[in-house]
């Protein structure tokens, strides 16, 4: 048994805690650019099954990419949304220059990690800026 995988019973709220920890880690970079990071959780916290270290790194890559590409003095919006069958982490930033590129090595690593656990990473660009959306399937009860 791989002990680095997170047990649903022991760590039901770990995904939210993991995202909060990565937001704290990225806050220094954001503050250096005059940015704030706003975090919201929607729905009932439920577990996903993933390697915590790998998932932390993927979330870190997504956050730091949003901070790096976001306009100075703007807000990076982070939403963790628990749906019926998956958890979706959306990160939106008003861009300062080029939108995120899937060819970015860190985002490609994040995508590979998420896909390895049955999830996905989508990158979108709209009139309000860029968005990264990571989806992971929820564990079945």
Protein backbone atom coordinates (compact mmCIF):
# COMPACT_ATOMS: atom_id res chain seq x y z
CA UNK A 1 0.00 0.00 0.00
CA UNK A 2 1.31 3.44 -0.91
CA UNK A 3 1.26 5.38 2.37
CA UNK A 4 1.78 8.70 0.59
CA UNK A 5 -1.78 8.46 -0.74
CA UNK A 6 -4.23 10.25 1.46
CA UNK A 7 -6.88 8.20 3.21
CA UNK A 8 -10.42 9.49 2.72
CA UNK A 9 -11.38 8.67 6.29
CA UNK A 10 -8.35 10.35 7.87
CA UNK A 11 -8.13 13.45 5.67
CA UNK A 12 -11.58 14.31 4.36
CA UNK A 13 -10.84 18.06 4.35
CA UNK A 14 -7.25 17.85 3.20
CA UNK A 15 -7.75 19.39 -0.26
CA UNK A 16 -8.99 22.65 1.21
CA UNK A 17 -6.14 22.67 3.74
CA UNK A 18 -3.62 21.93 0.97
CA UNK A 19 -4.91 24.85 -1.14
CA UNK A 20 -4.82 27.16 1.89
CA UNK A 21 -1.21 26.17 2.57
CA UNK A 22 -0.20 26.89 -1.04
CA UNK A 23 -1.97 30.26 -0.92
CA UNK A 24 0.07 31.14 2.19
CA UNK A 25 3.22 30.04 0.36
CA UNK A 26 2.38 32.20 -2.71
CA UNK A 27 1.31 35.24 -0.68
CA UNK A 28 4.85 36.65 -0.48
CA UNK A 29 5.19 36.69 -4.27
CA UNK A 30 1.72 38.23 -4.58
CA UNK A 31 2.42 40.92 -1.98
CA UNK A 32 5.64 41.80 -3.81
CA UNK A 33 3.48 42.66 -6.84
CA UNK A 34 0.84 44.48 -4.77
CA UNK A 35 -1.62 41.62 -5.34
CA UNK A 36 -4.05 39.99 -2.98
CA UNK A 37 -5.30 36.41 -3.13
CA UNK A 38 -9.00 35.86 -2.40
CA UNK A 39 -10.08 32.27 -1.56
CA UNK A 40 -13.60 30.84 -1.45
CA UNK A 41 -14.92 27.31 -0.94
CA UNK A 42 -18.28 26.26 -2.36
CA UNK A 43 -20.07 23.06 -1.46
CA UNK A 44 -19.31 20.44 1.16
CA UNK A 45 -15.70 19.42 1.58
CA UNK A 46 -15.18 15.86 0.40
CA UNK A 47 -12.03 13.86 -0.22
CA UNK A 48 -10.09 13.18 -3.38
CA UNK A 49 -7.48 10.46 -3.60
CA UNK A 50 -4.12 11.88 -4.65
CA UNK A 51 -0.52 12.09 -3.53
CA UNK A 52 -0.36 15.14 -1.27
CA UNK A 53 3.17 16.16 -2.29
CA UNK A 54 2.43 15.96 -6.02
CA UNK A 55 -0.91 17.71 -5.67
CA UNK A 56 0.67 20.47 -3.55
CA UNK A 57 3.25 21.04 -6.28
CA UNK A 58 0.57 21.22 -8.99
CA UNK A 59 -1.45 23.77 -6.99
CA UNK A 60 1.72 25.76 -6.29
CA UNK A 61 2.57 25.90 -10.01
CA UNK A 62 -0.94 27.11 -10.83
CA UNK A 63 -0.93 29.83 -8.15
CA UNK A 64 2.55 31.12 -8.93
CA UNK A 65 1.71 31.22 -12.64
CA UNK A 66 -1.39 33.31 -11.91
CA UNK A 67 0.60 35.68 -9.68
CA UNK A 68 3.41 36.01 -12.22
CA UNK A 69 1.03 36.79 -15.09
CA UNK A 70 -1.41 38.89 -13.08
CA UNK A 71 -1.43 42.67 -13.20
CA UNK A 72 0.26 44.44 -10.32
CA UNK A 73 -2.18 45.71 -7.69
CA UNK A 74 -4.86 43.20 -8.69
CA UNK A 75 -6.63 40.31 -6.99
CA UNK A 76 -6.00 36.66 -7.81
CA UNK A 77 -9.28 34.84 -7.23
CA UNK A 78 -9.17 31.22 -6.08
CA UNK A 79 -12.34 29.12 -5.81
CA UNK A 80 -12.56 25.50 -4.68
CA UNK A 81 -15.92 24.17 -5.81
CA UNK A 82 -17.16 20.75 -4.71
CA UNK A 83 -19.66 19.35 -7.19
CA UNK A 84 -21.49 16.03 -7.34
CA UNK A 85 -18.57 14.03 -8.69
CA UNK A 86 -15.51 16.30 -8.75
CA UNK A 87 -13.72 19.13 -7.02
CA UNK A 88 -12.74 22.04 -9.26
CA UNK A 89 -10.04 24.50 -8.28
CA UNK A 90 -10.34 27.69 -10.36
CA UNK A 91 -7.67 30.37 -10.29
CA UNK A 92 -8.38 33.63 -12.12
CA UNK A 93 -6.03 36.58 -12.59
CA UNK A 94 -6.18 39.78 -14.58
CA UNK A 95 -3.23 39.39 -16.93
CA UNK A 96 -0.30 41.65 -17.39
CA UNK A 97 1.03 40.53 -20.75
CA UNK A 98 0.75 37.04 -22.15
CA UNK A 99 -1.94 34.61 -20.98
CA UNK A 100 -0.88 31.30 -19.43
CA UNK A 101 0.43 28.82 -21.95
CA UNK A 102 0.00 25.07 -21.70
CA UNK A 103 3.54 24.79 -23.07
CA UNK A 104 4.79 26.31 -19.80
CA UNK A 105 6.82 23.48 -18.21
CA UNK A 106 5.34 23.97 -14.75
CA UNK A 107 1.77 23.96 -16.03
CA UNK A 108 2.54 20.89 -18.12
CA UNK A 109 3.82 19.18 -14.95
CA UNK A 110 0.63 20.20 -13.12
CA UNK A 111 -1.49 18.85 -15.97
CA UNK A 112 0.39 15.55 -15.99
CA UNK A 113 -0.06 15.19 -12.22
CA UNK A 114 -3.78 15.94 -12.35
CA UNK A 115 -4.38 13.59 -15.27
CA UNK A 116 -2.50 10.87 -13.39
CA UNK A 117 -5.25 10.97 -10.75
CA UNK A 118 -8.10 11.06 -13.26
CA UNK A 119 -8.38 14.85 -13.30
CA UNK A 120 -7.67 17.61 -15.79
CA UNK A 121 -6.23 21.10 -16.16
CA UNK A 122 -7.93 23.62 -18.41
CA UNK A 123 -6.52 26.98 -19.37
CA UNK A 124 -8.81 29.73 -20.57
CA UNK A 125 -8.52 33.37 -21.51
CA UNK A 126 -11.40 35.81 -21.50
CA UNK A 127 -11.98 39.55 -21.39
CA UNK A 128 -11.40 39.57 -17.61
CA UNK A 129 -8.10 37.73 -17.76
CA UNK A 130 -6.83 34.20 -17.63
CA UNK A 131 -8.17 31.24 -15.72
CA UNK A 132 -6.70 27.91 -14.72
CA UNK A 133 -9.18 25.21 -13.70
CA UNK A 134 -8.06 21.93 -12.16
CA UNK A 135 -10.62 19.17 -11.73
CA UNK A 136 -10.18 16.05 -9.61
CA UNK A 137 -12.72 13.29 -9.15
CA UNK A 138 -14.15 12.91 -5.65
CA UNK A 139 -13.80 9.65 -3.79
CA UNK A 140 -16.92 7.56 -3.80
CA UNK A 141 -18.63 7.07 -0.46
